[in-house]
């Protein structure tokens, strides 16, 4: 049986994300969908992961500790999910860790969960999501074409150097001539709100991850590969049970779970 590594002096990183899973109609009542017809066909499953990082590769990039990733998931609101991921991080020893880092895509619910449950953690906005917003900002200002592409690449380099303030300032000066001014202002507001979590030059110097690839991959391997196959429509209980088992299996904790269950059974029989 593999014992899950606990964290004492390393960095523990938490990641959050969500993905829609197709549900039976009775579990979608009263919910609006994102499509043009407004009909809900899925519900958002929230997934969190906890892993440790103690080393860098030869190029100075962070390396996730082998077999250190565990998962939690469910059809939960942000408050419920926040409590669940906090409990998992504490179980993994986060209170004794040298540093706790929260990585997310900047969705409002992710920010609320992080602020409520990990107020002293370092919160990092996934660089690739930030860069995608900069791409949309460039298009909103310059329209489609080479000028937008050139500006996007320049602003992306500035982001990586920790110069989010410069990007926001320059974009504001260009808003008056934007092809889509409302969209430009929306993207600027997103970058402005997330500025404290976009210090990518500092994060790289300190050997931290700036991308949420672990949790993005988890949405595919833990959730989608089992629950989003052709023709699948889930009930809430069945989905919750499958998600729990997937988290145990992909977190290499399934054997420990069964040992625990069999241990309880033996204890009850002995009593």
C-alpha atoms as a PDB file:
ATOM      1  CA  UNK A   1       0.000   0.000   0.000  1.00  0.00           C
ATOM      2  CA  UNK A   2       1.380   3.394  -1.010  1.00  0.00           C
ATOM      3  CA  UNK A   3       1.373   6.058   1.660  1.00  0.00           C
ATOM      4  CA  UNK A   4       0.509   9.489   0.276  1.00  0.00           C
ATOM      5  CA  UNK A   5       3.457  11.871   0.760  1.00  0.00           C
ATOM      6  CA  UNK A   6       2.922  14.513   3.442  1.00  0.00           C
ATOM      7  CA  UNK A   7       4.394  17.981   3.139  1.00  0.00           C
ATOM      8  CA  UNK A   8       6.684  19.453   5.765  1.00  0.00           C
ATOM      9  CA  UNK A   9       9.331  21.697   4.187  1.00  0.00           C
ATOM     10  CA  UNK A  10       8.398  21.778   0.500  1.00  0.00           C
ATOM     11  CA  UNK A  11       5.893  23.734  -1.555  1.00  0.00           C
ATOM     12  CA  UNK A  12       2.348  22.377  -1.725  1.00  0.00           C
ATOM     13  CA  UNK A  13       0.330  23.499  -4.717  1.00  0.00           C
ATOM     14  CA  UNK A  14      -3.452  23.468  -5.102  1.00  0.00           C
ATOM     15  CA  UNK A  15      -5.226  23.732  -8.445  1.00  0.00           C
ATOM     16  CA  UNK A  16      -8.916  24.338  -9.199  1.00  0.00           C
ATOM     17  CA  UNK A  17     -10.987  23.943 -12.342  1.00  0.00           C
ATOM     18  CA  UNK A  18     -14.409  22.897 -13.579  1.00  0.00           C
ATOM     19  CA  UNK A  19     -15.845  20.987 -16.526  1.00  0.00           C
ATOM     20  CA  UNK A  20     -19.404  20.288 -17.663  1.00  0.00           C
ATOM     21  CA  UNK A  21     -20.757  16.727 -17.463  1.00  0.00           C
ATOM     22  CA  UNK A  22     -23.974  15.636 -19.284  1.00  0.00           C
ATOM     23  CA  UNK A  23     -26.829  14.983 -16.842  1.00  0.00           C
ATOM     24  CA  UNK A  24     -30.287  13.432 -17.018  1.00  0.00           C
ATOM     25  CA  UNK A  25     -33.105  16.002 -17.444  1.00  0.00           C
ATOM     26  CA  UNK A  26     -34.406  15.647 -13.872  1.00  0.00           C
ATOM     27  CA  UNK A  27     -31.030  16.834 -12.571  1.00  0.00           C
ATOM     28  CA  UNK A  28     -31.069  19.958 -14.753  1.00  0.00           C
ATOM     29  CA  UNK A  29     -34.418  21.430 -13.692  1.00  0.00           C
ATOM     30  CA  UNK A  30     -34.276  25.184 -13.151  1.00  0.00           C
ATOM     31  CA  UNK A  31     -30.788  25.560 -14.626  1.00  0.00           C
ATOM     32  CA  UNK A  32     -29.893  27.689 -17.616  1.00  0.00           C
ATOM     33  CA  UNK A  33     -27.433  26.545 -20.243  1.00  0.00           C
ATOM     34  CA  UNK A  34     -24.719  28.532 -21.987  1.00  0.00           C
ATOM     35  CA  UNK A  35     -25.996  27.839 -25.506  1.00  0.00           C
ATOM     36  CA  UNK A  36     -28.173  30.192 -27.591  1.00  0.00           C
ATOM     37  CA  UNK A  37     -31.335  28.290 -26.615  1.00  0.00           C
ATOM     38  CA  UNK A  38     -30.566  28.629 -22.896  1.00  0.00           C
ATOM     39  CA  UNK A  39     -31.255  24.937 -22.280  1.00  0.00           C
ATOM     40  CA  UNK A  40     -28.952  23.285 -19.748  1.00  0.00           C
ATOM     41  CA  UNK A  41     -27.479  19.960 -20.815  1.00  0.00           C
ATOM     42  CA  UNK A  42     -24.596  19.690 -18.371  1.00  0.00           C
ATOM     43  CA  UNK A  43     -23.692  20.543 -14.795  1.00  0.00           C
ATOM     44  CA  UNK A  44     -20.296  21.792 -13.729  1.00  0.00           C
ATOM     45  CA  UNK A  45     -18.123  19.298 -11.917  1.00  0.00           C
ATOM     46  CA  UNK A  46     -15.440  20.981  -9.846  1.00  0.00           C
ATOM     47  CA  UNK A  47     -12.051  19.339  -9.552  1.00  0.00           C
ATOM     48  CA  UNK A  48      -9.169  20.178  -7.268  1.00  0.00           C
ATOM     49  CA  UNK A  49      -5.694  18.707  -6.991  1.00  0.00           C
ATOM     50  CA  UNK A  50      -2.941  18.893  -4.399  1.00  0.00           C
ATOM     51  CA  UNK A  51       0.678  18.108  -5.231  1.00  0.00           C
ATOM     52  CA  UNK A  52       4.132  18.857  -3.904  1.00  0.00           C
ATOM     53  CA  UNK A  53       7.216  20.358  -5.494  1.00  0.00           C
ATOM     54  CA  UNK A  54      10.697  20.108  -3.989  1.00  0.00           C
ATOM     55  CA  UNK A  55      13.080  20.371  -6.929  1.00  0.00           C
ATOM     56  CA  UNK A  56      13.950  22.056 -10.225  1.00  0.00           C
ATOM     57  CA  UNK A  57      15.222  20.588 -13.473  1.00  0.00           C
ATOM     58  CA  UNK A  58      18.582  21.479 -15.041  1.00  0.00           C
ATOM     59  CA  UNK A  59      17.042  24.544 -16.683  1.00  0.00           C
ATOM     60  CA  UNK A  60      15.681  25.813 -13.369  1.00  0.00           C
ATOM     61  CA  UNK A  61      12.070  24.866 -14.095  1.00  0.00           C
ATOM     62  CA  UNK A  62       9.886  23.422 -11.301  1.00  0.00           C
ATOM     63  CA  UNK A  63       9.355  19.656 -11.186  1.00  0.00           C
ATOM     64  CA  UNK A  64       6.279  18.090  -9.630  1.00  0.00           C
ATOM     65  CA  UNK A  65       7.175  15.382  -7.113  1.00  0.00           C
ATOM     66  CA  UNK A  66       6.489  11.909  -8.488  1.00  0.00           C
ATOM     67  CA  UNK A  67       3.229  10.310  -7.297  1.00  0.00           C
ATOM     68  CA  UNK A  68       2.407  13.326  -5.140  1.00  0.00           C
ATOM     69  CA  UNK A  69      -0.847  14.408  -6.827  1.00  0.00           C
ATOM     70  CA  UNK A  70      -4.192  13.704  -5.168  1.00  0.00           C
ATOM     71  CA  UNK A  71      -7.654  14.858  -6.280  1.00  0.00           C
ATOM     72  CA  UNK A  72     -11.054  15.882  -4.924  1.00  0.00           C
ATOM     73  CA  UNK A  73     -14.173  16.453  -7.009  1.00  0.00           C
ATOM     74  CA  UNK A  74     -17.935  16.826  -6.918  1.00  0.00           C
ATOM     75  CA  UNK A  75     -21.094  18.672  -7.961  1.00  0.00           C
ATOM     76  CA  UNK A  76     -20.432  21.375  -5.407  1.00  0.00           C
ATOM     77  CA  UNK A  77     -20.894  25.104  -5.039  1.00  0.00           C
ATOM     78  CA  UNK A  78     -17.794  27.226  -4.469  1.00  0.00           C
ATOM     79  CA  UNK A  79     -18.184  27.264  -0.681  1.00  0.00           C
ATOM     80  CA  UNK A  80     -18.570  23.484  -0.436  1.00  0.00           C
ATOM     81  CA  UNK A  81     -15.709  22.892  -2.837  1.00  0.00           C
ATOM     82  CA  UNK A  82     -13.476  25.314  -0.969  1.00  0.00           C
ATOM     83  CA  UNK A  83     -13.955  23.383   2.260  1.00  0.00           C
ATOM     84  CA  UNK A  84     -13.236  20.108   0.465  1.00  0.00           C
ATOM     85  CA  UNK A  85      -9.974  21.221  -1.169  1.00  0.00           C
ATOM     86  CA  UNK A  86      -8.853  22.847   2.075  1.00  0.00           C
ATOM     87  CA  UNK A  87      -9.441  19.590   3.954  1.00  0.00           C
ATOM     88  CA  UNK A  88      -7.401  17.702   1.354  1.00  0.00           C
ATOM     89  CA  UNK A  89      -4.528  20.190   1.559  1.00  0.00           C
ATOM     90  CA  UNK A  90      -4.547  19.984   5.362  1.00  0.00           C
ATOM     91  CA  UNK A  91      -4.637  16.176   5.173  1.00  0.00           C
ATOM     92  CA  UNK A  92      -1.555  16.359   2.966  1.00  0.00           C
ATOM     93  CA  UNK A  93       0.275  18.452   5.561  1.00  0.00           C
ATOM     94  CA  UNK A  94      -0.149  21.973   4.174  1.00  0.00           C
ATOM     95  CA  UNK A  95      -0.096  23.540   7.631  1.00  0.00           C
ATOM     96  CA  UNK A  96       3.513  22.397   8.030  1.00  0.00           C
ATOM     97  CA  UNK A  97       4.604  23.283   4.507  1.00  0.00           C
ATOM     98  CA  UNK A  98       7.139  26.016   3.877  1.00  0.00           C
ATOM     99  CA  UNK A  99       4.828  27.541   1.289  1.00  0.00           C
ATOM    100  CA  UNK A 100       1.326  26.967  -0.099  1.00  0.00           C
ATOM    101  CA  UNK A 101       0.511  28.020  -3.663  1.00  0.00           C
ATOM    102  CA  UNK A 102      -2.923  28.177  -5.306  1.00  0.00           C
ATOM    103  CA  UNK A 103      -3.033  28.012  -9.124  1.00  0.00           C
ATOM    104  CA  UNK A 104      -6.265  28.694 -11.027  1.00  0.00           C
ATOM    105  CA  UNK A 105      -7.672  30.116 -14.249  1.00  0.00           C
ATOM    106  CA  UNK A 106      -9.041  33.245 -12.580  1.00  0.00           C
ATOM    107  CA  UNK A 107     -12.727  32.262 -12.580  1.00  0.00           C
ATOM    108  CA  UNK A 108     -14.651  34.165  -9.907  1.00  0.00           C
ATOM    109  CA  UNK A 109     -15.505  31.038  -7.918  1.00  0.00           C
ATOM    110  CA  UNK A 110     -11.840  29.986  -7.879  1.00  0.00           C
ATOM    111  CA  UNK A 111     -10.796  33.342  -6.476  1.00  0.00           C
ATOM    112  CA  UNK A 112     -13.464  33.244  -3.780  1.00  0.00           C
ATOM    113  CA  UNK A 113     -12.564  29.695  -2.751  1.00  0.00           C
ATOM    114  CA  UNK A 114      -8.861  30.565  -2.581  1.00  0.00           C
ATOM    115  CA  UNK A 115      -9.384  33.772  -0.598  1.00  0.00           C
ATOM    116  CA  UNK A 116     -11.683  32.091   1.909  1.00  0.00           C
ATOM    117  CA  UNK A 117      -9.745  28.876   2.479  1.00  0.00           C
ATOM    118  CA  UNK A 118      -6.119  29.819   1.734  1.00  0.00           C
ATOM    119  CA  UNK A 119      -5.842  33.505   2.705  1.00  0.00           C
ATOM    120  CA  UNK A 120      -2.096  33.272   3.395  1.00  0.00           C
ATOM    121  CA  UNK A 121      -1.255  31.262   0.293  1.00  0.00           C
ATOM    122  CA  UNK A 122       0.410  32.670  -2.796  1.00  0.00           C
ATOM    123  CA  UNK A 123      -2.297  32.897  -5.474  1.00  0.00           C
ATOM    124  CA  UNK A 124      -1.083  32.559  -9.077  1.00  0.00           C
ATOM    125  CA  UNK A 125      -3.218  33.119 -12.169  1.00  0.00           C
ATOM    126  CA  UNK A 126      -2.405  30.510 -14.802  1.00  0.00           C
ATOM    127  CA  UNK A 127      -0.152  32.284 -17.299  1.00  0.00           C
ATOM    128  CA  UNK A 128      -1.755  30.699 -20.342  1.00  0.00           C
ATOM    129  CA  UNK A 129      -5.233  31.897 -19.346  1.00  0.00           C
ATOM    130  CA  UNK A 130      -3.827  35.380 -18.755  1.00  0.00           C
ATOM    131  CA  UNK A 131      -2.152  35.290 -22.171  1.00  0.00           C
ATOM    132  CA  UNK A 132      -5.410  34.225 -23.814  1.00  0.00           C
ATOM    133  CA  UNK A 133      -7.122  37.290 -22.357  1.00  0.00           C
ATOM    134  CA  UNK A 134      -4.288  39.421 -23.719  1.00  0.00           C
ATOM    135  CA  UNK A 135      -4.865  37.825 -27.144  1.00  0.00           C
ATOM    136  CA  UNK A 136      -8.563  38.753 -26.973  1.00  0.00           C
ATOM    137  CA  UNK A 137      -7.611  42.252 -25.833  1.00  0.00           C
ATOM    138  CA  UNK A 138      -5.312  42.682 -28.840  1.00  0.00           C
ATOM    139  CA  UNK A 139      -8.081  41.562 -31.199  1.00  0.00           C
ATOM    140  CA  UNK A 140     -10.609  43.868 -29.534  1.00  0.00           C
ATOM    141  CA  UNK A 141      -8.326  46.848 -30.074  1.00  0.00           C
ATOM    142  CA  UNK A 142      -6.798  46.099 -33.483  1.00  0.00           C
ATOM    143  CA  UNK A 143      -9.270  43.641 -35.019  1.00  0.00           C
ATOM    144  CA  UNK A 144      -8.143  40.526 -36.851  1.00  0.00           C
ATOM    145  CA  UNK A 145      -4.811  40.689 -38.623  1.00  0.00           C
ATOM    146  CA  UNK A 146      -1.074  41.069 -38.303  1.00  0.00           C
ATOM    147  CA  UNK A 147      -1.140  44.185 -36.118  1.00  0.00           C
ATOM    148  CA  UNK A 148      -3.146  42.393 -33.428  1.00  0.00           C
ATOM    149  CA  UNK A 149      -0.800  39.387 -33.601  1.00  0.00           C
ATOM    150  CA  UNK A 150       2.321  41.528 -33.237  1.00  0.00           C
ATOM    151  CA  UNK A 151       0.837  43.437 -30.292  1.00  0.00           C
ATOM    152  CA  UNK A 152      -0.305  40.227 -28.609  1.00  0.00           C
ATOM    153  CA  UNK A 153       3.191  38.750 -28.765  1.00  0.00           C
ATOM    154  CA  UNK A 154       4.719  41.926 -27.342  1.00  0.00           C
ATOM    155  CA  UNK A 155       2.210  42.083 -24.487  1.00  0.00           C
ATOM    156  CA  UNK A 156       2.626  38.379 -23.768  1.00  0.00           C
ATOM    157  CA  UNK A 157       6.388  38.893 -23.377  1.00  0.00           C
ATOM    158  CA  UNK A 158       5.673  41.826 -21.072  1.00  0.00           C
ATOM    159  CA  UNK A 159       3.369  39.643 -18.956  1.00  0.00           C
ATOM    160  CA  UNK A 160       6.070  37.012 -18.606  1.00  0.00           C
ATOM    161  CA  UNK A 161       8.454  39.711 -17.375  1.00  0.00           C
ATOM    162  CA  UNK A 162       5.942  40.721 -14.693  1.00  0.00           C
ATOM    163  CA  UNK A 163       4.860  43.924 -16.421  1.00  0.00           C
ATOM    164  CA  UNK A 164       1.080  43.490 -16.274  1.00  0.00           C
ATOM    165  CA  UNK A 165       0.725  47.130 -15.184  1.00  0.00           C
ATOM    166  CA  UNK A 166       2.419  48.273 -18.395  1.00  0.00           C
ATOM    167  CA  UNK A 167       0.067  46.133 -20.493  1.00  0.00           C
ATOM    168  CA  UNK A 168      -3.024  47.533 -18.757  1.00  0.00           C
ATOM    169  CA  UNK A 169      -1.754  51.113 -19.061  1.00  0.00           C
ATOM    170  CA  UNK A 170      -0.939  50.787 -22.761  1.00  0.00           C
ATOM    171  CA  UNK A 171      -4.259  49.103 -23.533  1.00  0.00           C
ATOM    172  CA  UNK A 172      -6.232  51.839 -21.786  1.00  0.00           C
ATOM    173  CA  UNK A 173      -4.536  54.470 -23.929  1.00  0.00           C
ATOM    174  CA  UNK A 174      -5.661  52.591 -27.048  1.00  0.00           C
ATOM    175  CA  UNK A 175      -9.273  51.967 -26.003  1.00  0.00           C
ATOM    176  CA  UNK A 176     -10.557  55.090 -27.754  1.00  0.00           C
ATOM    177  CA  UNK A 177      -9.520  53.706 -31.147  1.00  0.00           C
ATOM    178  CA  UNK A 178     -10.482  50.080 -30.430  1.00  0.00           C
ATOM    179  CA  UNK A 179     -12.363  48.022 -33.004  1.00  0.00           C
ATOM    180  CA  UNK A 180     -14.519  46.653 -30.151  1.00  0.00           C
ATOM    181  CA  UNK A 181     -14.263  49.113 -27.249  1.00  0.00           C
ATOM    182  CA  UNK A 182     -16.669  47.279 -24.913  1.00  0.00           C
ATOM    183  CA  UNK A 183     -14.751  44.013 -25.308  1.00  0.00           C
ATOM    184  CA  UNK A 184     -11.457  45.845 -24.834  1.00  0.00           C
ATOM    185  CA  UNK A 185     -12.704  47.355 -21.574  1.00  0.00           C
ATOM    186  CA  UNK A 186     -13.920  43.936 -20.418  1.00  0.00           C
ATOM    187  CA  UNK A 187     -10.508  42.365 -21.016  1.00  0.00           C
ATOM    188  CA  UNK A 188      -8.723  45.288 -19.357  1.00  0.00           C
ATOM    189  CA  UNK A 189     -10.978  44.874 -16.295  1.00  0.00           C
ATOM    190  CA  UNK A 190     -10.037  41.179 -16.105  1.00  0.00           C
ATOM    191  CA  UNK A 191      -6.316  41.965 -16.209  1.00  0.00           C
ATOM    192  CA  UNK A 192      -6.692  44.799 -13.713  1.00  0.00           C
ATOM    193  CA  UNK A 193      -8.542  42.563 -11.246  1.00  0.00           C
ATOM    194  CA  UNK A 194      -5.926  39.816 -11.495  1.00  0.00           C
ATOM    195  CA  UNK A 195      -2.799  42.008 -11.432  1.00  0.00           C
ATOM    196  CA  UNK A 196      -1.744  40.858  -7.921  1.00  0.00           C
ATOM    197  CA  UNK A 197      -1.649  37.253  -9.182  1.00  0.00           C
ATOM    198  CA  UNK A 198       0.378  37.896 -12.350  1.00  0.00           C
ATOM    199  CA  UNK A 199       3.900  38.496 -10.994  1.00  0.00           C
ATOM    200  CA  UNK A 200       5.348  35.908 -13.336  1.00  0.00           C
ATOM    201  CA  UNK A 201       8.917  37.192 -13.200  1.00  0.00           C
ATOM    202  CA  UNK A 202       8.939  36.667  -9.432  1.00  0.00           C
ATOM    203  CA  UNK A 203       7.279  33.243  -9.632  1.00  0.00           C
ATOM    204  CA  UNK A 204       9.843  32.034 -12.167  1.00  0.00           C
ATOM    205  CA  UNK A 205      12.756  33.351 -10.098  1.00  0.00           C
ATOM    206  CA  UNK A 206      11.398  31.437  -7.115  1.00  0.00           C
ATOM    207  CA  UNK A 207      11.059  28.221  -9.127  1.00  0.00           C
ATOM    208  CA  UNK A 208       7.262  28.030  -9.070  1.00  0.00           C
ATOM    209  CA  UNK A 209       4.801  26.721 -11.623  1.00  0.00           C
ATOM    210  CA  UNK A 210       3.002  29.441 -13.573  1.00  0.00           C
ATOM    211  CA  UNK A 211       0.748  27.095 -15.552  1.00  0.00           C
ATOM    212  CA  UNK A 212      -2.203  25.037 -14.334  1.00  0.00           C
ATOM    213  CA  UNK A 213      -1.460  22.094 -16.610  1.00  0.00           C
ATOM    214  CA  UNK A 214      -1.826  19.559 -13.785  1.00  0.00           C
ATOM    215  CA  UNK A 215      -5.441  20.458 -13.051  1.00  0.00           C
ATOM    216  CA  UNK A 216      -6.266  20.996 -16.740  1.00  0.00           C
ATOM    217  CA  UNK A 217      -5.039  17.470 -17.451  1.00  0.00           C
ATOM    218  CA  UNK A 218      -6.968  16.225 -14.417  1.00  0.00           C
ATOM    219  CA  UNK A 219     -10.237  17.505 -15.882  1.00  0.00           C
ATOM    220  CA  UNK A 220      -9.595  15.213 -18.848  1.00  0.00           C
ATOM    221  CA  UNK A 221      -8.165  12.151 -17.103  1.00  0.00           C
ATOM    222  CA  UNK A 222     -10.121  12.174 -13.833  1.00  0.00           C
ATOM    223  CA  UNK A 223     -13.463  13.465 -15.105  1.00  0.00           C
ATOM    224  CA  UNK A 224     -13.924  13.529 -18.882  1.00  0.00           C
ATOM    225  CA  UNK A 225     -12.426  10.146 -19.826  1.00  0.00           C
ATOM    226  CA  UNK A 226     -14.983   8.348 -17.652  1.00  0.00           C
ATOM    227  CA  UNK A 227     -18.030  10.621 -17.572  1.00  0.00           C
ATOM    228  CA  UNK A 228     -18.230  12.317 -20.984  1.00  0.00           C
ATOM    229  CA  UNK A 229     -18.324   9.374 -23.349  1.00  0.00           C
ATOM    230  CA  UNK A 230     -20.816   9.181 -26.205  1.00  0.00           C
ATOM    231  CA  UNK A 231     -24.410   8.688 -25.026  1.00  0.00           C
ATOM    232  CA  UNK A 232     -23.704   9.172 -21.315  1.00  0.00           C
ATOM    233  CA  UNK A 233     -26.202  11.069 -19.154  1.00  0.00           C
ATOM    234  CA  UNK A 234     -25.676  10.937 -15.414  1.00  0.00           C
ATOM    235  CA  UNK A 235     -27.761  10.979 -12.273  1.00  0.00           C
ATOM    236  CA  UNK A 236     -26.324  12.957  -9.377  1.00  0.00           C
ATOM    237  CA  UNK A 237     -25.634  10.052  -7.007  1.00  0.00           C
ATOM    238  CA  UNK A 238     -24.044   7.860  -9.643  1.00  0.00           C
ATOM    239  CA  UNK A 239     -21.832  10.682 -10.852  1.00  0.00           C
ATOM    240  CA  UNK A 240     -20.713  11.611  -7.337  1.00  0.00           C
ATOM    241  CA  UNK A 241     -19.776   7.985  -6.615  1.00  0.00           C
ATOM    242  CA  UNK A 242     -17.821   7.607  -9.855  1.00  0.00           C
ATOM    243  CA  UNK A 243     -15.984  10.885  -9.269  1.00  0.00           C
ATOM    244  CA  UNK A 244     -14.948   9.762  -5.788  1.00  0.00           C
ATOM    245  CA  UNK A 245     -13.572   6.500  -7.174  1.00  0.00           C
ATOM    246  CA  UNK A 246     -11.791   8.285 -10.030  1.00  0.00           C
ATOM    247  CA  UNK A 247     -10.096  10.635  -7.571  1.00  0.00           C
ATOM    248  CA  UNK A 248      -8.915   7.679  -5.507  1.00  0.00           C
ATOM    249  CA  UNK A 249      -7.714   5.730  -8.545  1.00  0.00           C
ATOM    250  CA  UNK A 250      -5.899   8.591 -10.305  1.00  0.00           C
ATOM    251  CA  UNK A 251      -4.466   9.778  -6.978  1.00  0.00           C
ATOM    252  CA  UNK A 252      -3.045   6.276  -6.353  1.00  0.00           C
ATOM    253  CA  UNK A 253      -5.121   5.923  -3.190  1.00  0.00           C
ATOM    254  CA  UNK A 254      -7.583   3.216  -4.194  1.00  0.00           C
ATOM    255  CA  UNK A 255      -5.665   0.404  -2.461  1.00  0.00           C
ATOM    256  CA  UNK A 256      -5.452   2.422   0.746  1.00  0.00           C
ATOM    257  CA  UNK A 257      -9.201   3.076   0.537  1.00  0.00           C
ATOM    258  CA  UNK A 258     -10.034  -0.623   0.252  1.00  0.00           C
ATOM    259  CA  UNK A 259      -7.632  -1.471   3.079  1.00  0.00           C
ATOM    260  CA  UNK A 260      -9.511   1.045   5.217  1.00  0.00           C
ATOM    261  CA  UNK A 261     -12.924  -0.393   4.257  1.00  0.00           C
ATOM    262  CA  UNK A 262     -11.820  -3.991   4.885  1.00  0.00           C
ATOM    263  CA  UNK A 263     -10.318  -2.910   8.195  1.00  0.00           C
ATOM    264  CA  UNK A 264     -13.655  -1.439   9.275  1.00  0.00           C
ATOM    265  CA  UNK A 265     -15.440  -4.634   8.234  1.00  0.00           C
ATOM    266  CA  UNK A 266     -13.072  -6.813  10.282  1.00  0.00           C
ATOM    267  CA  UNK A 267     -13.446  -4.541  13.307  1.00  0.00           C
ATOM    268  CA  UNK A 268     -17.250  -4.731  13.156  1.00  0.00           C
ATOM    269  CA  UNK A 269     -17.211  -8.517  12.789  1.00  0.00           C
ATOM    270  CA  UNK A 270     -14.840  -8.853  15.735  1.00  0.00           C
ATOM    271  CA  UNK A 271     -17.131  -6.700  17.860  1.00  0.00           C
END
